[in-house]
Protein backbone atom coordinates (compact mmCIF):
# COMPACT_ATOMS: atom_id res chain seq x y z
CA MET A 1 20.30 -16.62 42.72
CA LYS A 2 17.21 -14.88 44.14
CA LYS A 3 18.88 -11.49 43.68
CA LEU A 4 19.55 -12.29 40.04
CA LYS A 5 15.93 -13.32 39.49
CA TYR A 6 14.66 -10.09 41.05
CA SER A 7 17.17 -8.03 39.05
CA VAL A 8 15.92 -9.54 35.80
CA LEU A 9 12.31 -8.86 36.83
CA ALA A 10 13.14 -5.26 37.75
CA ALA A 11 14.87 -4.72 34.41
CA ALA A 12 11.85 -6.10 32.57
CA PHE A 13 9.51 -3.74 34.41
CA CYS A 14 11.79 -0.81 33.60
CA MET A 15 11.49 -1.59 29.88
CA LEU A 16 7.68 -1.79 29.98
CA PRO A 17 7.04 1.99 29.66
CA VAL A 18 9.40 2.20 26.67
CA THR A 19 7.61 -0.68 24.95
CA LEU A 20 4.23 0.91 25.56
CA THR A 21 5.44 4.25 24.21
CA TYR A 22 6.51 2.69 20.91
CA ALA A 23 3.27 0.73 20.69
CA ASN A 24 1.33 4.02 20.54
CA VAL A 25 3.13 5.35 17.45
CA ASP A 26 0.96 7.50 15.19
CA THR A 27 0.48 5.45 12.02
CA SER A 28 -0.96 8.27 9.90
CA ALA A 29 2.51 9.32 8.71
CA ILE A 30 3.31 5.74 7.73
CA THR A 31 -0.01 5.43 5.90
CA GLN A 32 0.73 8.65 4.01
CA GLN A 33 4.15 7.31 2.95
CA VAL A 34 2.57 4.12 1.64
CA LYS A 35 0.04 6.13 -0.37
CA GLN A 36 2.85 8.23 -1.83
CA ALA A 37 4.76 5.07 -2.80
CA ALA A 38 1.71 3.74 -4.64
CA LEU A 39 1.42 4.63 -8.31
CA ASN A 40 -1.36 7.11 -9.07
CA ILE A 41 -3.35 5.32 -11.75
CA ASN A 42 -4.89 8.60 -12.93
CA THR A 43 -1.60 10.29 -13.80
CA ALA A 44 0.67 7.38 -14.76
CA ASP A 45 1.90 6.86 -18.29
CA VAL A 46 2.36 3.58 -20.19
CA SER A 47 5.90 2.96 -18.95
CA GLN A 48 4.91 3.52 -15.31
CA LEU A 49 1.77 1.40 -15.55
CA SER A 50 3.60 -1.47 -17.24
CA LYS A 51 5.85 -1.82 -14.18
CA LEU A 52 2.84 -2.94 -12.13
CA PRO A 53 2.36 -6.69 -11.65
CA GLY A 54 0.24 -8.22 -14.41
CA ILE A 55 0.19 -5.04 -16.50
CA GLY A 56 1.94 -5.07 -19.85
CA LYS A 57 2.07 -2.32 -22.45
CA LYS A 58 -1.30 -3.30 -23.97
CA LYS A 59 -3.16 -3.25 -20.63
CA ALA A 60 -1.38 -0.06 -19.67
CA GLN A 61 -2.60 1.56 -22.87
CA ALA A 62 -6.10 0.18 -22.25
CA ILE A 63 -6.07 1.82 -18.79
CA ILE A 64 -5.06 5.15 -20.30
CA ASP A 65 -7.64 4.86 -23.11
CA TYR A 66 -10.39 4.06 -20.59
CA ARG A 67 -9.28 6.92 -18.33
CA GLU A 68 -9.33 9.39 -21.22
CA ALA A 69 -12.77 8.22 -22.37
CA LYS A 70 -14.52 7.83 -19.00
CA GLY A 71 -12.57 10.05 -16.59
CA ASN A 72 -10.43 9.36 -13.55
CA PHE A 73 -10.59 6.13 -11.60
CA THR A 74 -11.75 6.39 -8.00
CA SER A 75 -11.31 2.78 -6.84
CA LEU A 76 -10.18 -0.68 -7.80
CA GLU A 77 -13.79 -1.38 -8.75
CA ASP A 78 -13.51 1.30 -11.44
CA LEU A 79 -10.26 -0.23 -12.67
CA LYS A 80 -12.01 -3.58 -13.11
CA MET A 81 -14.10 -1.95 -15.83
CA VAL A 82 -11.01 -1.97 -18.10
CA LYS A 83 -10.97 -4.98 -20.41
CA GLY A 84 -8.51 -7.58 -19.11
CA ILE A 85 -8.57 -6.45 -15.49
CA GLY A 86 -10.60 -8.73 -13.28
CA LYS A 87 -10.79 -9.60 -9.60
CA LYS A 88 -7.48 -11.47 -9.49
CA LEU A 89 -5.46 -8.75 -11.15
CA ALA A 90 -7.18 -6.05 -9.12
CA ALA A 91 -6.23 -7.97 -5.96
CA LYS A 92 -2.56 -7.97 -7.08
CA LEU A 93 -2.74 -4.21 -7.59
CA GLU A 94 -4.25 -3.46 -4.19
CA GLY A 95 -1.88 -1.23 -2.23
CA LYS A 96 0.29 -0.66 -5.28
CA VAL A 97 -1.98 1.92 -6.91
CA SER A 98 -3.66 5.08 -5.71
CA PHE A 99 -6.48 7.18 -7.13
């Protein structure tokens, strides 16, 4: 029984370096993929924008109208300047849009 206990301990220690190696994974590539998956609010059309949560065709058109009148958005704070987009909707869009 003691041999089995020591064997299990030895196996656990052998796995430790592998676990530590995976824990140090570079997350910049993952972050870049997430940004690419997000919809660029400055280039999206009505059909793309209306697929976002809480955005229908009217709000999508309002986003485009605002963008054409004022220029590109640089943050969610800018997006909140569009009529009908407040804190709650901006929070739903966080991570789903890029600028």
